[in-house]
Amino acid sequence: VPGLPPYGHVDNAGFKIDNLTLGVVGPKLNTGSVLSDPGLTSAIRAAGSEAMDLFMENPTLERMFEASNMFSEKTGLESPQVHHATEKMRSRGYRAAMCMLGNSFFTDAPVDVVRNALGRPNVRAYPCSSYGRELTVTRRG
């Protein structure tokens, strides 16, 4: 069952993220319309399970981004705006991936790099740095 406790299980992934930025590159997405499609929901579950298995084999920061990008590719949920933004970040040597079901992405690039690379009118960027806190991962129960 997807979700936070008590539905999901939270584990410490054992690594830290020193820089984490959220970038929003499009309008709010109606997740209800996406999740009401049984075929797409099934694809999301399968891709999510595969991505989580990949990550848990070797829970590193690099693997987290790899698994996240595999998920968005397999589900086809990544919007063109998100794809463009993540490609821009990667071309500058940073990691980036789509946030689940939204016109947003997360990256290890600092906020100012995101804003400069994508332009202020095109992106809203927010610092979400964990300030050295360890990442926790939510798994199905």
Protein backbone atom coordinates (compact mmCIF):
# COMPACT_ATOMS: atom_id res chain seq x y z
CA VAL A 1 0.00 0.00 0.00
CA PRO A 2 1.55 3.34 -1.00
CA GLY A 3 1.90 6.12 1.53
CA LEU A 4 3.45 7.31 4.72
CA PRO A 5 3.12 5.45 8.03
CA PRO A 6 1.04 3.73 9.12
CA TYR A 7 0.57 2.52 5.51
CA GLY A 8 4.17 2.62 4.33
CA HIS A 9 7.38 1.79 6.15
CA VAL A 10 10.15 4.38 6.57
CA ASP A 11 13.81 3.34 6.51
CA ASN A 12 16.95 5.39 6.88
CA ALA A 13 18.73 5.26 3.50
CA GLY A 14 22.08 5.91 5.18
CA PHE A 15 23.25 8.90 3.13
CA LYS A 16 22.91 12.65 3.30
CA ILE A 17 21.82 15.24 0.78
CA ASP A 18 23.66 18.49 1.28
CA ASN A 19 21.83 20.43 -1.44
CA LEU A 20 18.26 19.79 -2.49
CA THR A 21 16.17 22.15 -4.59
CA LEU A 22 12.58 21.86 -5.77
CA GLY A 23 11.83 23.41 -9.16
CA VAL A 24 8.28 24.04 -10.36
CA VAL A 25 8.01 24.48 -14.14
CA GLY A 26 4.32 24.28 -14.89
CA PRO A 27 0.81 24.59 -13.55
CA LYS A 28 -0.62 22.43 -10.80
CA LEU A 29 -1.48 18.96 -12.07
CA ASN A 30 -4.79 17.30 -11.24
CA THR A 31 -3.44 14.06 -9.77
CA GLY A 32 -6.95 12.67 -9.36
CA SER A 33 -7.39 12.47 -13.13
CA VAL A 34 -4.10 10.58 -13.46
CA LEU A 35 -4.74 8.20 -10.58
CA SER A 36 -8.29 7.43 -11.71
CA ASP A 37 -6.95 5.66 -14.83
CA PRO A 38 -6.59 1.96 -13.83
CA GLY A 39 -4.06 1.23 -16.59
CA LEU A 40 -1.85 4.14 -15.62
CA THR A 41 -2.17 3.32 -11.92
CA SER A 42 -1.05 -0.22 -12.67
CA ALA A 43 1.93 1.09 -14.66
CA ILE A 44 2.82 3.46 -11.80
CA ARG A 45 2.74 0.61 -9.27
CA ALA A 46 4.90 -1.64 -11.46
CA ALA A 47 7.44 1.07 -12.28
CA GLY A 48 7.48 2.25 -8.66
CA SER A 49 8.15 -1.27 -7.40
CA GLU A 50 10.95 -1.75 -9.91
CA ALA A 51 12.49 1.64 -9.08
CA MET A 52 12.31 0.96 -5.35
CA ASP A 53 13.94 -2.46 -5.77
CA LEU A 54 16.72 -0.87 -7.83
CA PHE A 55 17.30 1.79 -5.20
CA MET A 56 17.23 -0.60 -2.24
CA GLU A 57 19.89 -2.83 -3.88
CA ASN A 58 22.35 0.03 -3.42
CA PRO A 59 20.79 3.01 -1.60
CA THR A 60 23.05 5.86 -2.70
CA LEU A 61 22.31 9.38 -3.84
CA GLU A 62 23.28 8.49 -7.41
CA ARG A 63 21.02 5.41 -7.38
CA MET A 64 18.12 7.47 -6.01
CA PHE A 65 18.26 9.78 -9.01
CA GLU A 66 18.77 6.83 -11.36
CA ALA A 67 15.72 5.02 -9.98
CA SER A 68 13.64 8.20 -10.07
CA ASN A 69 14.50 8.83 -13.71
CA MET A 70 13.79 5.20 -14.61
CA PHE A 71 10.37 5.57 -12.97
CA SER A 72 9.44 8.70 -14.92
CA GLU A 73 10.65 7.17 -18.19
CA LYS A 74 8.70 3.93 -17.71
CA THR A 75 5.47 5.66 -16.69
CA GLY A 76 5.63 8.40 -19.32
CA LEU A 77 4.50 10.92 -16.71
CA GLU A 78 7.31 13.41 -17.23
CA SER A 79 6.04 16.59 -18.93
CA PRO A 80 8.13 18.25 -21.64
CA GLN A 81 8.83 21.14 -19.24
CA VAL A 82 10.12 18.80 -16.54
CA HIS A 83 12.19 16.88 -19.09
CA HIS A 84 13.76 20.12 -20.33
CA ALA A 85 14.53 21.26 -16.78
CA THR A 86 16.12 17.97 -15.69
CA GLU A 87 18.19 17.85 -18.89
CA LYS A 88 19.41 21.41 -18.24
CA MET A 89 20.50 20.47 -14.72
CA ARG A 90 22.28 17.31 -15.93
CA SER A 91 24.05 19.27 -18.69
CA ARG A 92 25.50 21.43 -15.92
CA GLY A 93 26.77 18.42 -13.97
CA TYR A 94 23.95 18.11 -11.44
CA ARG A 95 21.51 15.31 -10.76
CA ALA A 96 17.79 15.90 -11.37
CA ALA A 97 14.54 13.94 -11.55
CA MET A 98 10.80 14.48 -11.80
CA CYS A 99 8.76 14.78 -8.62
CA MET A 100 5.97 12.23 -8.47
CA LEU A 101 2.95 13.45 -10.43
CA GLY A 102 3.63 17.08 -10.95
CA ASN A 103 5.18 19.72 -13.12
CA SER A 104 8.11 19.83 -10.77
CA PHE A 105 11.52 18.29 -10.29
CA PHE A 106 14.15 17.91 -7.61
CA THR A 107 17.86 18.42 -8.03
CA ASP A 108 21.09 18.63 -6.10
CA ALA A 109 21.81 21.97 -7.80
CA PRO A 110 21.62 25.07 -5.61
CA VAL A 111 18.58 27.34 -6.03
CA ASP A 112 20.55 30.08 -7.78
CA VAL A 113 21.89 27.61 -10.36
CA VAL A 114 18.35 26.38 -11.09
CA ARG A 115 17.02 29.92 -11.46
CA ASN A 116 19.92 31.01 -13.68
CA ALA A 117 19.77 27.91 -15.88
CA LEU A 118 16.02 28.00 -16.44
CA GLY A 119 15.21 31.69 -16.04
CA ARG A 120 13.06 33.19 -13.30
CA PRO A 121 9.83 33.55 -15.29
CA ASN A 122 10.04 29.88 -16.33
CA VAL A 123 10.73 28.28 -12.96
CA ARG A 124 9.95 28.70 -9.30
CA ALA A 125 12.81 27.24 -7.27
CA TYR A 126 12.77 26.51 -3.56
CA PRO A 127 15.59 25.36 -1.29
CA CYS A 128 14.75 22.10 0.44
CA SER A 129 18.19 21.25 1.72
CA SER A 130 18.31 18.65 4.42
CA TYR A 131 21.28 20.43 5.99
CA GLY A 132 23.10 17.17 6.48
CA ARG A 133 20.13 15.17 7.72
CA GLU A 134 19.96 11.60 6.52
CA LEU A 135 17.42 10.70 3.89
CA THR A 136 14.51 8.48 4.87
CA VAL A 137 12.77 6.27 2.36
CA THR A 138 9.11 5.27 2.46
CA ARG A 139 8.35 1.74 1.31
CA ARG A 140 5.12 -0.16 1.01
CA GLY A 141 4.22 -2.01 4.20
